[in-house]
Amino acid sequence: MTAQAADFLAIAEEAADLAGQVIRPLFRSALLVEAKGDASPVTEADKAAERAIRGLLAHRLPDHGVIGEEYGEERADADWVWVLDPIDGTRAFVTGRPLFGTLIGLLHRGAPVLGIIDQPTTGERWIGIAGEPTRFASRFGGTPRCRPCASLAEAELSCTSPDIFDAATAPRFAAVKEAARRTTWGGDCYAYGLLALGLVDVVVDATMKPWDWAALVPVVEGAGGRCTDWAGRPLRLDGDGTVLAVGDPALLPEVSALLDL
């Protein structure tokens, strides 16, 4: 790791710590939940956590860009751009389920190079840096390494919700679900962390924004998996919103063939 990357990692972890300090006191508390334009819930925890991260980045890395779910873009054309989702899985958060996380990603010229999935209430943190093995810290233990999976018929499939699919994408996901061994729902970013721990084999999602996937790519790929769009292409800021993660790269052609019809 270069000294520059080491500095960025330290700042990313500091940002995750700050977000956690905001989020933990509000978890399972009485919250005023607003309705966002897309009808998903947003709380003061989302907003305050993103403000805290943005404040840190503005102070420490003023020439970097930021893209965040709650407060939009600043200098999004910079070489280095931070991509933030303060609470990925807000529905889980507002219903008291610890299946959410803070996502902090860093893009270099559009490519994901650093990612953190932080679960502030359970104390779990995944750290991915392009070209390096994923790291994992948790009192529960666990080794960040995807497991082999010979075929989709043997795979544990996960998806955030069936509601994310429309008339065009639902049949394509249904084909994967039919071929998989078993399907579980929910988890948002947490499911990708479980894939990086070798507990899930495939995650399929749609309607994903950059703040939903930017941090996931280095975590999944540093654990030996692949994270692409449904066609198997690298994820891009101007992509179609589909995301496919496989723990065993050998699964990618089989799953992508069913999704990219």
Protein backbone atom coordinates (compact mmCIF):
# COMPACT_ATOMS: atom_id res chain seq x y z
CA MET A 1 0.00 0.00 0.00
CA THR A 2 1.35 3.43 -0.89
CA ALA A 3 1.70 6.10 1.76
CA GLN A 4 -1.07 8.03 -0.01
CA ALA A 5 -3.45 5.08 0.12
CA ALA A 6 -2.58 4.53 3.77
CA ASP A 7 -3.51 8.14 4.49
CA PHE A 8 -6.81 7.72 2.68
CA LEU A 9 -7.59 4.53 4.60
CA ALA A 10 -6.95 6.25 7.92
CA ILE A 11 -9.34 9.03 6.93
CA ALA A 12 -11.94 6.51 5.73
CA GLU A 13 -11.83 4.72 9.06
CA GLU A 14 -12.06 8.01 10.92
CA ALA A 15 -15.10 8.84 8.82
CA ALA A 16 -16.70 5.49 9.70
CA ASP A 17 -15.99 6.12 13.38
CA LEU A 18 -17.65 9.54 13.19
CA ALA A 19 -20.71 8.11 11.47
CA GLY A 20 -20.98 5.41 14.11
CA GLN A 21 -20.92 7.98 16.88
CA VAL A 22 -23.94 9.63 15.29
CA ILE A 23 -25.85 6.46 14.45
CA ARG A 24 -25.50 4.33 17.58
CA PRO A 25 -27.41 6.62 19.99
CA LEU A 26 -30.31 6.82 17.53
CA PHE A 27 -30.63 3.09 16.82
CA ARG A 28 -33.91 1.74 18.23
CA SER A 29 -34.85 5.17 19.50
CA ALA A 30 -37.90 7.28 18.69
CA LEU A 31 -37.07 8.83 15.35
CA LEU A 32 -38.89 11.22 13.14
CA VAL A 33 -39.02 9.38 9.84
CA GLU A 34 -39.61 11.46 6.74
CA ALA A 35 -40.58 10.26 3.30
CA LYS A 36 -38.01 10.90 0.60
CA GLY A 37 -38.96 11.47 -3.02
CA ASP A 38 -38.52 7.76 -3.80
CA ALA A 39 -40.67 6.83 -0.76
CA SER A 40 -37.75 5.29 1.13
CA PRO A 41 -37.38 6.32 4.76
CA VAL A 42 -34.76 8.77 5.87
CA THR A 43 -33.92 9.76 9.40
CA GLU A 44 -31.89 12.40 11.11
CA ALA A 45 -29.25 9.68 11.57
CA ASP A 46 -28.69 9.49 7.79
CA LYS A 47 -28.36 13.23 7.46
CA ALA A 48 -26.23 13.85 10.53
CA ALA A 49 -23.85 11.00 9.70
CA GLU A 50 -23.30 12.26 6.17
CA ARG A 51 -22.74 15.80 7.44
CA ALA A 52 -20.10 14.50 9.84
CA ILE A 53 -18.27 12.60 7.09
CA ARG A 54 -18.45 15.51 4.66
CA GLY A 55 -17.08 17.86 7.29
CA LEU A 56 -14.10 15.60 7.87
CA LEU A 57 -13.38 15.21 4.16
CA ALA A 58 -13.70 18.95 3.51
CA HIS A 59 -11.15 19.61 6.25
CA ARG A 60 -8.68 16.84 5.45
CA LEU A 61 -9.03 16.42 1.66
CA PRO A 62 -10.52 19.64 0.27
CA ASP A 63 -9.50 18.87 -3.31
CA HIS A 64 -11.37 15.55 -3.37
CA GLY A 65 -14.90 15.17 -4.69
CA VAL A 66 -17.88 13.77 -2.80
CA ILE A 67 -21.04 12.01 -3.92
CA GLY A 68 -23.50 11.29 -1.11
CA GLU A 69 -27.02 9.92 -0.93
CA GLU A 70 -28.35 12.71 1.27
CA TYR A 71 -26.55 15.84 0.05
CA GLY A 72 -25.63 15.21 -3.57
CA GLU A 73 -22.41 15.95 -5.45
CA GLU A 74 -19.44 18.23 -4.88
CA ARG A 75 -16.52 18.24 -7.34
CA ALA A 76 -17.72 14.95 -8.81
CA ASP A 77 -15.29 15.42 -11.71
CA ALA A 78 -12.21 15.28 -9.43
CA ASP A 79 -9.70 12.45 -9.83
CA TRP A 80 -10.50 11.23 -6.31
CA VAL A 81 -14.18 11.05 -5.33
CA TRP A 82 -15.65 9.75 -2.08
CA VAL A 83 -19.01 8.01 -2.38
CA LEU A 84 -21.12 7.90 0.78
CA ASP A 85 -24.19 6.11 2.03
CA PRO A 86 -24.44 6.90 5.74
CA ILE A 87 -27.06 4.22 6.38
CA ASP A 88 -27.48 1.63 3.65
CA GLY A 89 -30.54 -0.32 4.70
CA THR A 90 -32.54 2.47 6.32
CA ARG A 91 -35.67 0.32 6.49
CA ALA A 92 -33.79 -2.16 8.66
CA PHE A 93 -32.43 0.69 10.77
CA VAL A 94 -35.82 2.28 11.48
CA THR A 95 -37.32 -1.12 12.40
CA GLY A 96 -34.50 -1.96 14.80
CA ARG A 97 -32.81 -4.68 12.75
CA PRO A 98 -28.99 -4.59 12.57
CA LEU A 99 -28.92 -5.46 8.86
CA PHE A 100 -27.64 -2.10 7.68
CA GLY A 101 -24.28 -0.44 7.37
CA THR A 102 -22.37 2.73 6.65
CA LEU A 103 -20.75 2.65 3.20
CA ILE A 104 -17.66 4.71 2.48
CA GLY A 105 -16.15 4.26 -0.96
CA LEU A 106 -13.34 6.01 -2.81
CA LEU A 107 -13.13 6.20 -6.60
CA HIS A 108 -9.99 7.07 -8.53
CA ARG A 109 -10.94 8.33 -11.98
CA GLY A 110 -14.21 6.44 -11.70
CA ALA A 111 -12.80 3.09 -10.51
CA PRO A 112 -13.50 1.86 -6.94
CA VAL A 113 -10.19 1.62 -5.07
CA LEU A 114 -11.19 1.64 -1.40
CA GLY A 115 -14.32 0.58 0.41
CA ILE A 116 -15.59 0.22 3.96
CA ILE A 117 -18.73 -1.56 5.11
CA ASP A 118 -19.22 -0.60 8.75
CA GLN A 119 -21.96 -2.01 10.97
CA PRO A 120 -21.85 0.44 13.89
CA THR A 121 -24.15 -1.43 16.27
CA THR A 122 -22.51 -4.87 16.02
CA GLY A 123 -18.97 -3.49 15.68
CA GLU A 124 -18.24 -5.27 12.40
CA ARG A 125 -16.10 -3.60 9.75
CA TRP A 126 -15.01 -4.79 6.32
CA ILE A 127 -12.17 -2.92 4.60
CA GLY A 128 -11.33 -3.42 0.95
CA ILE A 129 -8.43 -1.85 -0.97
CA ALA A 130 -7.91 -2.59 -4.65
CA GLY A 131 -5.18 -5.21 -5.08
CA GLU A 132 -5.10 -6.20 -1.41
CA PRO A 133 -6.88 -8.86 0.66
CA THR A 134 -10.03 -7.70 2.41
CA ARG A 135 -9.76 -7.12 6.15
CA PHE A 136 -12.48 -7.83 8.68
CA ALA A 137 -12.79 -6.80 12.31
CA SER A 138 -15.51 -8.28 14.51
CA ARG A 139 -15.99 -9.72 17.96
CA PHE A 140 -17.79 -12.59 16.25
CA GLY A 141 -14.68 -13.63 14.36
CA GLY A 142 -14.67 -14.65 10.72
CA THR A 143 -12.19 -14.70 7.86
CA PRO A 144 -12.80 -12.45 4.85
CA ARG A 145 -12.55 -15.04 2.11
CA CYS A 146 -15.24 -16.03 -0.38
CA ARG A 147 -15.92 -19.74 -0.61
CA PRO A 148 -15.79 -21.99 -3.67
CA CYS A 149 -19.16 -22.79 -5.23
CA ALA A 150 -19.18 -25.12 -8.19
CA SER A 151 -22.58 -24.21 -9.62
CA LEU A 152 -25.61 -22.02 -9.09
CA ALA A 153 -27.54 -25.12 -8.04
CA GLU A 154 -25.35 -25.21 -4.92
CA ALA A 155 -25.44 -21.47 -4.26
CA GLU A 156 -26.95 -19.39 -1.48
CA LEU A 157 -28.56 -16.43 -3.25
CA SER A 158 -29.37 -13.14 -1.55
CA CYS A 159 -31.32 -10.09 -2.71
CA THR A 160 -32.36 -6.91 -0.94
CA SER A 161 -36.06 -7.15 -1.88
CA PRO A 162 -38.27 -8.48 -4.69
CA ASP A 163 -39.73 -4.98 -4.89
CA ILE A 164 -36.60 -3.64 -6.61
CA PHE A 165 -37.43 -5.47 -9.86
CA ASP A 166 -39.71 -4.21 -12.61
CA ALA A 167 -41.47 -5.99 -15.45
CA ALA A 168 -38.21 -6.27 -17.42
CA THR A 169 -35.87 -7.38 -14.63
CA ALA A 170 -38.18 -9.55 -12.51
CA PRO A 171 -38.24 -12.54 -14.93
CA ARG A 172 -34.45 -12.44 -15.22
CA PHE A 173 -34.01 -12.53 -11.46
CA ALA A 174 -36.65 -15.26 -11.23
CA ALA A 175 -34.52 -17.45 -13.50
CA VAL A 176 -31.56 -17.10 -11.13
CA LYS A 177 -33.76 -17.73 -8.09
CA GLU A 178 -35.19 -20.88 -9.70
CA ALA A 179 -31.70 -22.20 -10.41
CA ALA A 180 -30.21 -21.39 -6.98
CA ARG A 181 -30.23 -23.72 -4.02
CA ARG A 182 -31.91 -21.23 -1.69
CA THR A 183 -32.80 -17.52 -1.61
CA THR A 184 -32.78 -15.13 1.32
CA TRP A 185 -34.08 -11.57 1.33
CA GLY A 186 -32.86 -8.39 2.99
CA GLY A 187 -29.51 -7.27 4.24
CA ASP A 188 -28.64 -4.54 1.75
CA CYS A 189 -24.86 -4.01 2.04
CA TYR A 190 -24.65 -6.54 4.88
CA ALA A 191 -25.34 -9.35 2.42
CA TYR A 192 -22.23 -8.38 0.46
CA GLY A 193 -20.22 -8.49 3.67
CA LEU A 194 -21.54 -12.01 4.30
CA LEU A 195 -20.54 -12.99 0.77
CA ALA A 196 -17.02 -11.75 1.54
CA LEU A 197 -17.05 -14.02 4.61
CA GLY A 198 -18.00 -17.09 2.56
CA LEU A 199 -21.54 -17.34 3.97
CA VAL A 200 -23.42 -16.26 0.83
CA ASP A 201 -22.52 -17.16 -2.76
CA VAL A 202 -24.45 -14.75 -4.98
CA VAL A 203 -26.07 -11.36 -4.45
CA VAL A 204 -28.28 -9.86 -7.17
CA ASP A 205 -29.71 -6.35 -6.96
CA ALA A 206 -31.13 -3.68 -9.25
CA THR A 207 -31.89 0.05 -9.07
CA MET A 208 -28.57 0.53 -7.27
CA LYS A 209 -27.04 4.02 -7.09
CA PRO A 210 -23.26 4.66 -6.95
CA TRP A 211 -23.41 5.13 -3.18
CA ASP A 212 -24.98 1.66 -2.92
CA TRP A 213 -22.13 -0.16 -4.71
CA ALA A 214 -18.91 1.91 -4.71
CA ALA A 215 -17.69 0.62 -1.34
CA LEU A 216 -18.74 -2.96 -2.06
CA VAL A 217 -16.48 -3.63 -5.03
CA PRO A 218 -13.08 -3.55 -3.20
CA VAL A 219 -14.52 -5.55 -0.29
CA VAL A 220 -15.95 -8.33 -2.46
CA GLU A 221 -13.04 -8.51 -4.87
CA GLY A 222 -10.42 -8.35 -2.12
CA ALA A 223 -12.08 -11.45 -0.64
CA GLY A 224 -11.73 -13.32 -3.93
CA GLY A 225 -15.13 -12.58 -5.47
CA ARG A 226 -16.36 -10.46 -8.36
CA CYS A 227 -18.73 -7.49 -8.31
CA THR A 228 -20.09 -6.35 -11.69
CA ASP A 229 -23.28 -5.35 -13.44
CA TRP A 230 -25.64 -8.07 -14.68
CA ALA A 231 -23.73 -8.33 -17.94
CA GLY A 232 -20.46 -8.96 -16.10
CA ARG A 233 -19.06 -5.50 -16.86
CA PRO A 234 -17.26 -3.26 -14.35
CA LEU A 235 -19.62 -1.01 -12.40
CA ARG A 236 -19.65 2.59 -13.59
CA LEU A 237 -21.14 5.85 -12.38
CA ASP A 238 -23.25 5.96 -15.55
CA GLY A 239 -24.26 2.29 -15.35
CA ASP A 240 -27.75 0.79 -15.47
CA GLY A 241 -28.11 0.19 -11.71
CA THR A 242 -27.80 -3.59 -11.84
CA VAL A 243 -25.31 -5.25 -9.50
CA LEU A 244 -24.16 -8.87 -9.41
CA ALA A 245 -21.72 -10.17 -6.80
CA VAL A 246 -20.41 -13.75 -6.83
CA GLY A 247 -18.11 -15.31 -4.30
CA ASP A 248 -16.64 -17.78 -6.77
CA PRO A 249 -15.66 -16.03 -10.03
CA ALA A 250 -16.42 -19.26 -11.89
CA LEU A 251 -20.12 -18.59 -11.19
CA LEU A 252 -20.12 -15.25 -13.01
CA PRO A 253 -20.77 -16.55 -16.56
CA GLU A 254 -23.59 -18.85 -15.43
CA VAL A 255 -25.43 -16.20 -13.41
CA SER A 256 -24.79 -13.39 -15.88
CA ALA A 257 -26.17 -15.50 -18.74
CA LEU A 258 -29.50 -15.81 -16.90
CA LEU A 259 -29.62 -12.12 -15.97
CA ASP A 260 -28.41 -10.58 -19.23
CA LEU A 261 -31.08 -12.00 -21.50
